[in-house]
Amino acid sequence: MTSNASDPRVSKRSDTAFETIALIGLGLIGSSLARAIVAARGDGALSARVVAHDADPEVRDVAREIGLGDAVEDTLEAAVRGADLVIIATPVGAVEAVLTAAAPGLQAGAVVSDVGSVKGAVAQAFGRLLPKGVLGVPAHPVAGTEQSGPEAGFATLFEDRWCILTPGDGAAEAQAAERVAQLWRALGSKVEFMSAAHHDRVLAVTSHLPHLIAYTIVGTASDLEQVSEAEVVKYSAGGFRDFTRIAASDPTMWRDVFLNNREAVLELLGRFTEDLIALQRSIRWEEGDALFDHFSRTRAIRRDVIEQGQDTADPDFGRRSGPAGREES
C-alpha cells in the first residue's frame, strides 16, 4: 500500500479514530488484520496500537516470533484492557465465550466488532452480553483463503474486497459503525451496510451453500469405490480442483457457520435441490435447449462477477497471481 493523498483510504485522522485495537484470535483474518493495520500506519492512514491475543499458547508463541502487532498478551483480559476497539476474529461458535470472558475488562465507550461469516447470531450475542456503555458493530470482511493460522495472513488480504457491517438501529450504534467503517476503508476495503438477517441470506447464497456443495462433492468423490483415490487426484480437472480448494477451508470455522446460519442455509439448500432435480430431468429426457439456456444464464453471472472486480478472467481465475488463492468466506 503506497501513500497517496488522493486515495480514499487515506484520510485525516480525527477523534473518531481508534487508539488501541485488540485482536482476539490470530488465524488468517486476525493475523491479516494485524499486518494490514501496521501497514496502514506506515501510510499515515491509521495510528492505532495493535494488541493481540489467541487462546492457543502455541499460536501466541508463533505470533511473537513473526512480530504480529505491537504486543501479544497471554490473557484475554490483558488484551482488551484499555482498548477502544476489540475485534473478535475467532470462529462464530466461540464469540459468546470470548464476550463473556472479555466483558469485565471492557472500558466504557469501547466498540466491539467481529469478522464472522454469520451476523444474526453475533448480533444477538452482542445484545445479550456486552456491558452497558459498550457498543457492538458486527462486521464481515468478505475475503479469505483456504489457508489458516497466524503465518497465513498477509496485509493486502482486504484490499478491494467488501466488508459488510450490520449495526443496530440506534444513533450511537450508527456512529460506532461509521468509525469501524473508516478503519476498514483505511485497510483498502469497500464498505456496505445492511441488516444482519439480509446479510445471512445473501451469504448463504454466495458463500455458505457453495462451501457445502464443495464439501459434498469432494466427500462423494473420495467415497466412490470404483474410482481409486489416486485416480481422483491424478485426473483432477479444473472444476474438481476448485472444489478441493474450497473444501480445504478451516473445518471449525465452517462447522460454526452452518450451525449458526442453519435456517438460511437449509432454505436455500431446498431450492438448490429442486433446481438440481430439474437439471437431472433435462439430462434424462435429453432436453438440450433447456440445458443450453440454463448454462447460458449461469455463464452471464460469471461475466458479472468479473465486471464487478470480484475476480479476474485470468487462467485459473487469477489465483496464481497473488500470495494465496482468495475466496469469499
Protein backbone atom coordinates (compact mmCIF):
# COMPACT_ATOMS: atom_id res chain seq x y z
CA MET A 1 0.00 0.00 0.00
CA THR A 2 1.53 3.32 -1.02
CA SER A 3 0.80 6.75 0.33
CA ASN A 4 -1.39 8.81 -1.97
CA ALA A 5 -3.23 11.96 -0.97
CA SER A 6 -6.00 11.24 -3.48
CA ASP A 7 -6.52 7.68 -2.24
CA PRO A 8 -9.89 7.48 -0.41
CA ARG A 9 -8.33 5.05 2.06
CA VAL A 10 -6.02 7.79 3.35
CA SER A 11 -7.84 10.47 5.26
CA LYS A 12 -7.01 12.88 8.06
CA ARG A 13 -7.14 11.25 11.44
CA SER A 14 -9.80 12.64 13.75
CA ASP A 15 -11.30 12.00 17.14
CA THR A 16 -13.24 9.14 15.54
CA ALA A 17 -10.05 7.13 15.02
CA PHE A 18 -9.23 4.26 17.35
CA GLU A 19 -6.13 4.48 19.53
CA THR A 20 -5.79 0.86 20.66
CA ILE A 21 -7.19 -2.12 18.77
CA ALA A 22 -7.32 -5.55 20.44
CA LEU A 23 -7.41 -8.51 18.05
CA ILE A 24 -8.79 -11.68 19.62
CA GLY A 25 -7.95 -14.73 17.52
CA LEU A 26 -4.86 -14.92 15.31
CA GLY A 27 -5.87 -17.13 12.42
CA LEU A 28 -5.88 -15.99 8.81
CA ILE A 29 -8.17 -12.99 9.34
CA GLY A 30 -6.81 -11.88 12.71
CA SER A 31 -3.18 -12.09 11.60
CA SER A 32 -4.01 -10.33 8.31
CA LEU A 33 -5.71 -7.55 10.26
CA ALA A 34 -2.61 -7.10 12.42
CA ARG A 35 -0.41 -6.85 9.34
CA ALA A 36 -2.83 -4.58 7.47
CA ILE A 37 -3.20 -2.12 10.37
CA VAL A 38 0.56 -1.86 10.78
CA ALA A 39 0.92 -1.31 7.02
CA ALA A 40 -1.75 1.40 7.10
CA ARG A 41 0.15 3.11 9.90
CA GLY A 42 3.12 3.35 7.59
CA ASP A 43 0.93 5.12 5.04
CA GLY A 44 -0.42 7.52 7.65
CA ALA A 45 -3.97 6.22 7.29
CA LEU A 46 -4.07 4.88 10.85
CA SER A 47 -2.22 5.40 14.11
CA ALA A 48 -3.72 2.67 16.31
CA ARG A 49 -1.64 0.42 18.52
CA VAL A 50 -2.36 -3.29 17.95
CA VAL A 51 -2.62 -5.72 20.88
CA ALA A 52 -3.19 -9.37 20.01
CA HIS A 53 -4.33 -12.49 21.84
CA ASP A 54 -5.12 -16.09 20.97
CA ALA A 55 -6.41 -18.80 23.28
CA ASP A 56 -3.78 -21.23 21.98
CA PRO A 57 -0.35 -20.66 23.62
CA GLU A 58 1.44 -22.14 20.60
CA VAL A 59 -0.28 -19.63 18.34
CA ARG A 60 0.77 -16.82 20.69
CA ASP A 61 4.37 -18.04 20.53
CA VAL A 62 4.28 -18.01 16.72
CA ALA A 63 2.69 -14.55 16.74
CA ARG A 64 5.53 -13.22 18.86
CA GLU A 65 8.14 -14.88 16.66
CA ILE A 66 6.77 -13.29 13.49
CA GLY A 67 6.10 -9.92 15.16
CA LEU A 68 2.33 -9.61 14.86
CA GLY A 69 1.17 -6.23 16.11
CA ASP A 70 2.76 -4.28 18.95
CA ALA A 71 2.12 -6.77 21.75
CA VAL A 72 0.84 -10.31 22.17
CA GLU A 73 -0.88 -10.82 25.52
CA ASP A 74 -1.24 -14.17 27.28
CA THR A 75 -4.69 -13.40 28.67
CA LEU A 76 -7.86 -12.09 27.09
CA GLU A 77 -8.33 -9.65 29.98
CA ALA A 78 -4.92 -8.10 29.41
CA ALA A 79 -5.53 -7.81 25.67
CA VAL A 80 -8.82 -5.89 25.95
CA ARG A 81 -7.76 -3.66 28.85
CA GLY A 82 -7.63 -0.08 27.59
CA ALA A 83 -8.69 -0.97 24.04
CA ASP A 84 -11.23 1.32 22.41
CA LEU A 85 -11.87 -1.27 19.67
CA VAL A 86 -11.95 -5.02 20.19
CA ILE A 87 -12.22 -7.23 17.09
CA ILE A 88 -13.14 -10.87 17.68
CA ALA A 89 -11.52 -12.93 14.93
CA THR A 90 -12.47 -16.39 16.19
CA PRO A 91 -14.90 -18.91 14.67
CA VAL A 92 -18.50 -17.80 15.21
CA GLY A 93 -19.10 -20.57 17.74
CA ALA A 94 -16.51 -19.05 20.10
CA VAL A 95 -17.88 -15.48 20.06
CA GLU A 96 -20.14 -15.91 23.12
CA ALA A 97 -17.33 -17.37 25.23
CA VAL A 98 -14.99 -14.53 24.20
CA LEU A 99 -17.61 -11.88 25.02
CA THR A 100 -18.32 -13.44 28.41
CA ALA A 101 -14.64 -13.52 29.33
CA ALA A 102 -13.88 -10.06 27.91
CA ALA A 103 -16.88 -8.18 29.32
CA PRO A 104 -15.37 -7.34 32.74
CA GLY A 105 -12.31 -5.79 31.13
CA LEU A 106 -14.07 -3.68 28.50
CA GLN A 107 -13.89 0.05 29.14
CA ALA A 108 -16.90 2.34 28.82
CA GLY A 109 -17.18 3.75 25.31
CA ALA A 110 -15.35 0.85 23.72
CA VAL A 111 -16.57 -0.71 20.47
CA VAL A 112 -16.63 -4.47 19.92
CA SER A 113 -16.72 -5.93 16.42
CA ASP A 114 -16.04 -9.27 14.75
CA VAL A 115 -15.22 -10.80 11.37
CA GLY A 116 -17.57 -13.78 11.20
CA SER A 117 -19.47 -15.00 8.16
CA VAL A 118 -22.75 -15.11 10.13
CA LYS A 119 -24.19 -11.92 11.57
CA GLY A 120 -27.57 -12.73 13.12
CA ALA A 121 -26.13 -14.94 15.85
CA VAL A 122 -23.34 -12.46 16.56
CA ALA A 123 -25.74 -9.51 16.80
CA GLN A 124 -27.84 -11.45 19.31
CA ALA A 125 -24.76 -12.31 21.37
CA PHE A 126 -23.67 -8.66 21.38
CA GLY A 127 -27.11 -7.60 22.59
CA ARG A 128 -27.10 -10.11 25.45
CA LEU A 129 -23.52 -9.97 26.64
CA LEU A 130 -21.98 -6.55 26.04
CA PRO A 131 -21.87 -4.33 29.15
CA LYS A 132 -23.77 -1.05 29.26
CA GLY A 133 -21.77 1.68 27.57
CA VAL A 134 -20.04 -0.72 25.15
CA LEU A 135 -21.30 -0.76 21.57
CA GLY A 136 -21.30 -3.75 19.23
CA VAL A 137 -20.80 -3.48 15.46
CA PRO A 138 -20.99 -6.89 13.73
CA ALA A 139 -18.76 -6.98 10.65
CA HIS A 140 -17.82 -9.40 7.91
CA PRO A 141 -14.83 -8.84 5.61
CA VAL A 142 -15.72 -10.90 2.55
CA ALA A 143 -12.20 -12.14 1.97
CA GLY A 144 -10.12 -15.15 2.78
CA THR A 145 -8.16 -18.11 1.53
CA GLU A 146 -8.26 -21.81 2.28
CA GLN A 147 -5.17 -21.35 4.48
CA SER A 148 -5.33 -20.84 8.25
CA GLY A 149 -3.09 -19.91 11.16
CA PRO A 150 -1.07 -16.81 12.09
CA GLU A 151 1.54 -17.39 9.37
CA ALA A 152 -1.14 -17.49 6.65
CA GLY A 153 -2.11 -13.82 6.96
CA PHE A 154 -0.99 -11.04 4.65
CA ALA A 155 -1.53 -7.28 4.74
CA THR A 156 -3.28 -6.93 1.38
CA LEU A 157 -6.00 -9.53 2.02
CA PHE A 158 -8.72 -6.89 2.39
CA GLU A 159 -7.78 -4.57 -0.45
CA ASP A 160 -10.62 -4.04 -2.95
CA ARG A 161 -12.79 -6.54 -1.05
CA TRP A 162 -16.16 -5.84 0.55
CA CYS A 163 -16.60 -5.51 4.29
CA ILE A 164 -20.25 -5.72 5.36
CA LEU A 165 -21.37 -4.03 8.59
CA THR A 166 -24.68 -4.86 10.28
CA PRO A 167 -25.08 -2.33 13.13
CA GLY A 168 -28.15 -1.83 15.28
CA ASP A 169 -30.73 0.89 14.67
CA GLY A 170 -29.70 3.46 17.33
CA ALA A 171 -27.80 6.68 16.72
CA ALA A 172 -24.92 5.57 18.93
CA GLU A 173 -24.64 2.30 17.01
CA ALA A 174 -24.62 4.23 13.71
CA GLN A 175 -21.78 6.46 14.93
CA ALA A 176 -19.79 3.46 16.13
CA ALA A 177 -20.40 1.70 12.82
CA GLU A 178 -19.04 4.67 10.90
CA ARG A 179 -15.87 4.57 13.00
CA VAL A 180 -15.46 0.88 12.21
CA ALA A 181 -16.18 1.60 8.54
CA GLN A 182 -13.39 4.19 8.49
CA LEU A 183 -11.00 1.54 9.77
CA TRP A 184 -11.94 -0.93 7.05
CA ARG A 185 -11.68 1.74 4.37
CA ALA A 186 -8.19 2.56 5.61
CA LEU A 187 -7.32 -1.12 5.07
CA GLY A 188 -8.47 -0.88 1.45
CA SER A 189 -11.94 -2.39 1.79
CA LYS A 190 -15.20 -1.26 0.27
CA VAL A 191 -17.86 -0.98 2.96
CA GLU A 192 -21.55 -1.90 2.75
CA PHE A 193 -24.24 -1.59 5.43
CA MET A 194 -27.19 -3.99 5.70
CA SER A 195 -29.31 -5.80 8.26
CA ALA A 196 -27.95 -8.95 9.88
CA ALA A 197 -30.84 -11.03 8.50
CA HIS A 198 -30.26 -9.81 4.95
CA HIS A 199 -26.53 -10.45 5.25
CA ASP A 200 -27.08 -14.03 6.36
CA ARG A 201 -29.42 -14.73 3.46
CA VAL A 202 -27.08 -13.18 0.88
CA LEU A 203 -24.03 -15.02 2.20
CA ALA A 204 -25.95 -18.28 2.33
CA VAL A 205 -26.23 -17.95 -1.47
CA THR A 206 -22.79 -16.58 -2.30
CA SER A 207 -20.62 -18.44 0.21
CA HIS A 208 -22.23 -20.92 2.58
CA LEU A 209 -24.12 -23.08 0.08
CA PRO A 210 -21.15 -23.22 -2.34
CA HIS A 211 -18.94 -24.42 0.50
CA LEU A 212 -21.49 -27.05 1.49
CA ILE A 213 -21.64 -28.27 -2.12
CA ALA A 214 -17.83 -28.37 -2.32
CA TYR A 215 -17.58 -30.42 0.87
CA THR A 216 -20.21 -32.80 -0.50
CA ILE A 217 -18.65 -33.27 -3.95
CA VAL A 218 -15.15 -33.86 -2.61
CA GLY A 219 -16.52 -36.26 0.01
CA THR A 220 -18.53 -38.15 -2.61
CA ALA A 221 -15.51 -38.48 -4.87
CA SER A 222 -13.44 -39.92 -2.05
CA ASP A 223 -16.16 -42.46 -1.23
CA LEU A 224 -16.62 -43.88 -4.73
CA GLU A 225 -15.36 -47.44 -4.61
CA GLN A 226 -14.97 -47.79 -8.36
CA VAL A 227 -12.55 -44.85 -8.55
CA SER A 228 -9.36 -45.03 -6.55
CA GLU A 229 -8.19 -42.06 -4.53
CA ALA A 230 -5.04 -41.92 -6.67
CA GLU A 231 -7.15 -41.54 -9.82
CA VAL A 232 -9.27 -38.80 -8.27
CA VAL A 233 -6.14 -36.82 -7.53
CA LYS A 234 -4.27 -37.70 -10.74
CA TYR A 235 -7.07 -36.80 -13.13
CA SER A 236 -8.49 -33.81 -11.27
CA ALA A 237 -9.94 -31.39 -13.79
CA GLY A 238 -10.26 -27.67 -13.14
CA GLY A 239 -13.73 -27.92 -11.64
CA PHE A 240 -12.80 -30.60 -9.12
CA ARG A 241 -9.57 -28.78 -8.21
CA ASP A 242 -11.60 -25.68 -7.39
CA PHE A 243 -13.91 -27.70 -5.19
CA THR A 244 -10.96 -29.25 -3.33
CA ARG A 245 -9.55 -25.79 -2.67
CA ILE A 246 -12.81 -24.66 -1.11
CA ALA A 247 -13.23 -27.94 0.76
CA ALA A 248 -9.79 -27.42 2.32
CA SER A 249 -11.12 -24.44 4.33
CA ASP A 250 -10.96 -24.39 8.10
CA PRO A 251 -13.35 -27.11 9.40
CA THR A 252 -14.04 -25.41 12.73
CA MET A 253 -14.99 -22.13 11.11
CA TRP A 254 -17.32 -23.76 8.60
CA ARG A 255 -18.93 -26.06 11.15
CA ASP A 256 -19.85 -22.94 13.13
CA VAL A 257 -21.07 -21.10 10.03
CA PHE A 258 -23.54 -23.84 9.10
CA LEU A 259 -24.82 -24.30 12.64
CA ASN A 260 -25.31 -20.57 13.21
CA ASN A 261 -26.89 -19.82 9.82
CA ARG A 262 -28.79 -23.08 9.50
CA GLU A 263 -32.20 -21.59 8.67
CA ALA A 264 -31.00 -19.63 5.64
CA VAL A 265 -28.73 -22.46 4.50
CA LEU A 266 -31.47 -25.09 4.78
CA GLU A 267 -33.93 -22.87 2.92
CA LEU A 268 -31.51 -22.36 0.03
CA LEU A 269 -30.43 -25.98 0.08
CA GLY A 270 -34.06 -26.91 -0.54
CA ARG A 271 -34.21 -24.55 -3.52
CA PHE A 272 -30.91 -25.89 -4.83
CA THR A 273 -32.20 -29.45 -4.55
CA GLU A 274 -35.26 -28.55 -6.64
CA ASP A 275 -33.07 -26.91 -9.29
CA LEU A 276 -30.74 -29.91 -9.34
CA ILE A 277 -33.67 -32.25 -9.87
CA ALA A 278 -34.85 -30.07 -12.77
CA LEU A 279 -31.40 -30.39 -14.38
CA GLN A 280 -31.46 -34.13 -13.77
CA ARG A 281 -34.79 -34.31 -15.58
CA SER A 282 -33.44 -32.30 -18.53
CA ILE A 283 -30.48 -34.66 -18.88
CA ARG A 284 -32.65 -37.77 -18.61
CA TRP A 285 -35.10 -36.55 -21.27
CA GLU A 286 -32.32 -35.11 -23.46
CA GLU A 287 -33.72 -31.57 -23.26
CA GLY A 288 -30.71 -29.91 -24.88
CA ASP A 289 -32.34 -26.50 -25.31
CA ALA A 290 -33.21 -26.33 -21.60
CA LEU A 291 -29.65 -27.23 -20.62
CA PHE A 292 -28.17 -24.70 -23.06
CA ASP A 293 -30.41 -21.91 -21.77
CA HIS A 294 -29.57 -22.69 -18.15
CA PHE A 295 -25.81 -22.79 -18.81
CA SER A 296 -26.02 -19.52 -20.77
CA ARG A 297 -27.66 -17.76 -17.81
CA THR A 298 -25.02 -19.02 -15.39
CA ARG A 299 -22.22 -18.04 -17.77
CA ALA A 300 -23.54 -14.47 -17.74
CA ILE A 301 -23.26 -14.40 -13.93
CA ARG A 302 -19.56 -15.26 -14.25
CA ARG A 303 -19.10 -12.25 -16.53
CA ASP A 304 -20.87 -10.03 -13.98
CA VAL A 305 -18.54 -11.26 -11.21
CA ILE A 306 -15.51 -10.25 -13.31
CA GLU A 307 -17.01 -6.88 -14.26
CA GLN A 308 -17.67 -6.13 -10.58
CA GLY A 309 -14.00 -6.73 -9.82
CA GLN A 310 -14.64 -9.76 -7.62
CA ASP A 311 -12.36 -11.97 -9.73
CA THR A 312 -10.34 -11.85 -12.94
CA ALA A 313 -10.62 -13.60 -16.27
CA ASP A 314 -7.03 -14.87 -15.99
CA PRO A 315 -6.40 -18.61 -16.33
CA ASP A 316 -7.03 -20.45 -13.06
CA PHE A 317 -9.22 -17.48 -12.05
CA GLY A 318 -6.15 -15.36 -11.32
CA ARG A 319 -5.23 -17.33 -8.20
CA ARG A 320 -1.60 -17.76 -9.27
CA SER A 321 -1.00 -14.02 -9.30
CA GLY A 322 -1.40 -13.38 -5.57
CA PRO A 323 0.17 -14.60 -2.33
CA ALA A 324 -2.65 -17.10 -1.85
CA GLY A 325 -5.88 -18.12 -3.50
CA ARG A 326 -8.64 -15.79 -2.36
CA GLU A 327 -12.12 -16.92 -1.63
CA GLU A 328 -15.15 -15.34 -0.06
CA SER A 329 -15.86 -16.51 3.43
